[in-house]
Amino acid sequence: MQVATIENATCDRASGCPVVRVCPSNAVGPAPGGAYPGANGWLVDEETCTGCGVCVRVCPTRSLSMHARAGTVG
């Protein structure tokens, strides 16, 4: 099973992140700290992520990718 990963080095860290808004499983949340949600980037909860890939398609900075869930093959 695939899950999403966010590369915060290329993320614009917008407080109105479209990825957060479209995630059907609410797996994307703010990284700890920061003056506003997303100021320190965003994280994907791999336990909650269903691997649908919607986030990868809507990210304006192309900062998300899919990879195999930890402990699985493929």
N, C-alpha and C. Protein backbone atom coordinates (compact mmCIF):
# COMPACT_ATOMS: atom_id res chain seq x y z
N MET A 1 0.83 -1.18 0.00
CA MET A 1 0.00 0.00 0.00
C MET A 1 0.88 1.25 0.00
N GLN A 2 0.46 2.24 -0.75
CA GLN A 2 1.18 3.50 -0.87
C GLN A 2 0.65 4.53 0.14
N VAL A 3 1.53 5.42 0.60
CA VAL A 3 1.15 6.55 1.44
C VAL A 3 1.89 7.79 0.93
N ALA A 4 1.36 8.95 1.27
CA ALA A 4 1.96 10.21 0.82
C ALA A 4 3.05 10.68 1.78
N THR A 5 4.01 11.40 1.22
CA THR A 5 5.06 12.06 1.98
C THR A 5 5.17 13.49 1.47
N ILE A 6 5.34 14.43 2.38
CA ILE A 6 5.49 15.84 2.01
C ILE A 6 6.96 16.24 2.16
N GLU A 7 7.49 16.87 1.13
CA GLU A 7 8.84 17.42 1.17
C GLU A 7 8.71 18.89 1.56
N ASN A 8 8.89 19.18 2.85
CA ASN A 8 8.67 20.53 3.35
C ASN A 8 9.70 21.54 2.85
N ALA A 9 10.82 21.08 2.29
CA ALA A 9 11.81 22.00 1.74
C ALA A 9 11.27 22.71 0.50
N THR A 10 10.35 22.07 -0.23
CA THR A 10 9.78 22.70 -1.43
C THR A 10 8.35 23.20 -1.20
N CYS A 11 7.75 22.83 -0.08
CA CYS A 11 6.39 23.26 0.26
C CYS A 11 6.37 24.77 0.52
N ASP A 12 5.31 25.45 0.06
CA ASP A 12 5.21 26.89 0.32
C ASP A 12 4.67 27.20 1.72
N ARG A 13 4.26 26.16 2.44
CA ARG A 13 3.80 26.27 3.83
C ARG A 13 2.62 27.21 4.02
N ALA A 14 1.77 27.26 3.03
CA ALA A 14 0.59 28.13 3.08
C ALA A 14 -0.38 27.66 4.15
N SER A 15 -0.97 28.63 4.86
CA SER A 15 -1.94 28.27 5.89
C SER A 15 -3.23 27.71 5.27
N GLY A 16 -3.50 28.06 4.01
CA GLY A 16 -4.68 27.55 3.30
C GLY A 16 -4.33 26.44 2.34
N CYS A 17 -3.46 25.56 2.73
CA CYS A 17 -2.95 24.48 1.87
C CYS A 17 -4.08 23.68 1.24
N PRO A 18 -4.11 23.58 -0.10
CA PRO A 18 -5.16 22.81 -0.75
C PRO A 18 -5.09 21.32 -0.43
N VAL A 19 -3.91 20.82 -0.14
CA VAL A 19 -3.74 19.41 0.20
C VAL A 19 -4.53 19.08 1.46
N VAL A 20 -4.45 19.96 2.45
CA VAL A 20 -5.18 19.75 3.70
C VAL A 20 -6.68 19.74 3.43
N ARG A 21 -7.13 20.64 2.57
CA ARG A 21 -8.57 20.76 2.29
C ARG A 21 -9.12 19.56 1.53
N VAL A 22 -8.33 18.93 0.65
CA VAL A 22 -8.88 17.86 -0.19
C VAL A 22 -8.64 16.45 0.34
N CYS A 23 -7.81 16.29 1.33
CA CYS A 23 -7.52 14.94 1.83
C CYS A 23 -8.79 14.30 2.39
N PRO A 24 -9.28 13.23 1.76
CA PRO A 24 -10.53 12.62 2.20
C PRO A 24 -10.42 11.90 3.54
N SER A 25 -9.21 11.59 3.99
CA SER A 25 -9.06 10.90 5.27
C SER A 25 -8.52 11.81 6.37
N ASN A 26 -8.38 13.11 6.06
CA ASN A 26 -7.84 14.07 7.04
C ASN A 26 -6.50 13.62 7.60
N ALA A 27 -5.64 13.12 6.73
CA ALA A 27 -4.34 12.61 7.15
C ALA A 27 -3.25 13.67 7.19
N VAL A 28 -3.53 14.87 6.68
CA VAL A 28 -2.52 15.92 6.62
C VAL A 28 -2.77 16.95 7.71
N GLY A 29 -1.73 17.23 8.49
CA GLY A 29 -1.85 18.21 9.55
C GLY A 29 -0.58 19.02 9.68
N PRO A 30 -0.64 20.10 10.46
CA PRO A 30 0.52 20.97 10.60
C PRO A 30 1.63 20.32 11.41
N ALA A 31 2.87 20.62 11.02
CA ALA A 31 4.02 20.21 11.82
C ALA A 31 4.00 21.05 13.10
N PRO A 32 4.51 20.51 14.19
CA PRO A 32 4.47 21.23 15.46
C PRO A 32 5.16 22.60 15.40
N GLY A 33 4.63 23.53 16.20
CA GLY A 33 5.21 24.86 16.31
C GLY A 33 4.75 25.79 15.20
N GLY A 34 5.30 26.97 15.18
CA GLY A 34 4.96 27.93 14.14
C GLY A 34 3.89 28.91 14.58
N ALA A 35 3.86 30.05 13.92
CA ALA A 35 2.94 31.12 14.25
C ALA A 35 1.52 30.84 13.76
N TYR A 36 1.37 29.98 12.77
CA TYR A 36 0.06 29.62 12.21
C TYR A 36 0.16 28.18 11.72
N PRO A 37 -0.97 27.50 11.57
CA PRO A 37 -0.92 26.12 11.07
C PRO A 37 -0.22 26.05 9.71
N GLY A 38 0.81 25.26 9.63
CA GLY A 38 1.57 25.10 8.40
C GLY A 38 2.84 25.92 8.35
N ALA A 39 3.04 26.82 9.30
CA ALA A 39 4.24 27.66 9.28
C ALA A 39 5.52 26.83 9.31
N ASN A 40 5.48 25.71 9.99
CA ASN A 40 6.64 24.81 10.04
C ASN A 40 6.48 23.65 9.07
N GLY A 41 5.54 23.76 8.15
CA GLY A 41 5.29 22.72 7.17
C GLY A 41 4.13 21.83 7.59
N TRP A 42 3.93 20.78 6.81
CA TRP A 42 2.81 19.86 7.01
C TRP A 42 3.33 18.45 7.12
N LEU A 43 2.58 17.60 7.80
CA LEU A 43 2.94 16.20 7.97
C LEU A 43 1.79 15.31 7.53
N VAL A 44 2.12 14.12 7.04
CA VAL A 44 1.10 13.12 6.69
C VAL A 44 1.15 12.03 7.75
N ASP A 45 0.00 11.74 8.34
CA ASP A 45 -0.12 10.64 9.29
C ASP A 45 -0.25 9.36 8.47
N GLU A 46 0.80 8.56 8.45
CA GLU A 46 0.81 7.35 7.61
C GLU A 46 -0.24 6.33 8.06
N GLU A 47 -0.64 6.36 9.30
CA GLU A 47 -1.67 5.43 9.78
C GLU A 47 -3.04 5.82 9.24
N THR A 48 -3.25 7.10 8.99
CA THR A 48 -4.54 7.61 8.53
C THR A 48 -4.62 7.68 7.01
N CYS A 49 -3.50 7.90 6.35
CA CYS A 49 -3.45 8.04 4.88
C CYS A 49 -3.94 6.75 4.21
N THR A 50 -4.84 6.91 3.25
CA THR A 50 -5.37 5.75 2.53
C THR A 50 -4.64 5.48 1.22
N GLY A 51 -3.72 6.37 0.84
CA GLY A 51 -2.96 6.18 -0.39
C GLY A 51 -3.70 6.54 -1.65
N CYS A 52 -4.74 7.37 -1.56
CA CYS A 52 -5.56 7.70 -2.73
C CYS A 52 -4.81 8.56 -3.76
N GLY A 53 -3.82 9.36 -3.31
CA GLY A 53 -3.04 10.18 -4.24
C GLY A 53 -3.65 11.51 -4.62
N VAL A 54 -4.80 11.86 -4.07
CA VAL A 54 -5.43 13.14 -4.39
C VAL A 54 -4.48 14.29 -4.04
N CYS A 55 -3.81 14.19 -2.92
CA CYS A 55 -2.91 15.25 -2.48
C CYS A 55 -1.80 15.53 -3.50
N VAL A 56 -1.25 14.47 -4.06
CA VAL A 56 -0.18 14.61 -5.05
C VAL A 56 -0.67 15.39 -6.26
N ARG A 57 -1.91 15.13 -6.66
CA ARG A 57 -2.46 15.80 -7.84
C ARG A 57 -2.79 17.27 -7.60
N VAL A 58 -3.12 17.67 -6.38
CA VAL A 58 -3.54 19.06 -6.15
C VAL A 58 -2.44 19.96 -5.59
N CYS A 59 -1.33 19.43 -5.15
CA CYS A 59 -0.28 20.25 -4.56
C CYS A 59 0.31 21.21 -5.60
N PRO A 60 0.19 22.53 -5.37
CA PRO A 60 0.68 23.49 -6.36
C PRO A 60 2.21 23.54 -6.46
N THR A 61 2.91 23.09 -5.42
CA THR A 61 4.37 23.12 -5.45
C THR A 61 4.97 21.74 -5.73
N ARG A 62 4.11 20.76 -5.99
CA ARG A 62 4.56 19.38 -6.27
C ARG A 62 5.47 18.84 -5.17
N SER A 63 5.08 19.11 -3.95
CA SER A 63 5.89 18.74 -2.79
C SER A 63 5.51 17.39 -2.19
N LEU A 64 4.57 16.70 -2.80
CA LEU A 64 4.16 15.40 -2.28
C LEU A 64 4.52 14.29 -3.24
N SER A 65 4.79 13.13 -2.67
CA SER A 65 5.04 11.94 -3.48
C SER A 65 4.46 10.74 -2.73
N MET A 66 4.31 9.66 -3.44
CA MET A 66 3.79 8.43 -2.85
C MET A 66 4.95 7.44 -2.67
N HIS A 67 4.89 6.68 -1.58
CA HIS A 67 5.89 5.64 -1.35
C HIS A 67 5.22 4.49 -0.60
N ALA A 68 5.91 3.38 -0.53
CA ALA A 68 5.36 2.21 0.16
C ALA A 68 5.24 2.49 1.65
N ARG A 69 4.13 2.08 2.22
CA ARG A 69 3.94 2.23 3.67
C ARG A 69 5.03 1.45 4.39
N ALA A 70 5.53 2.00 5.48
CA ALA A 70 6.57 1.33 6.26
C ALA A 70 6.12 -0.08 6.62
N GLY A 71 6.99 -1.05 6.43
CA GLY A 71 6.68 -2.42 6.78
C GLY A 71 5.94 -3.20 5.70
N THR A 72 5.77 -2.59 4.51
CA THR A 72 5.10 -3.30 3.42
C THR A 72 6.00 -3.33 2.20
N VAL A 73 5.69 -4.21 1.30
CA VAL A 73 6.41 -4.31 0.04
C VAL A 73 5.46 -3.90 -1.06
N GLY A 74 5.95 -2.99 -1.97
CA GLY A 74 5.15 -2.61 -3.11
C GLY A 74 4.34 -1.47 -2.86
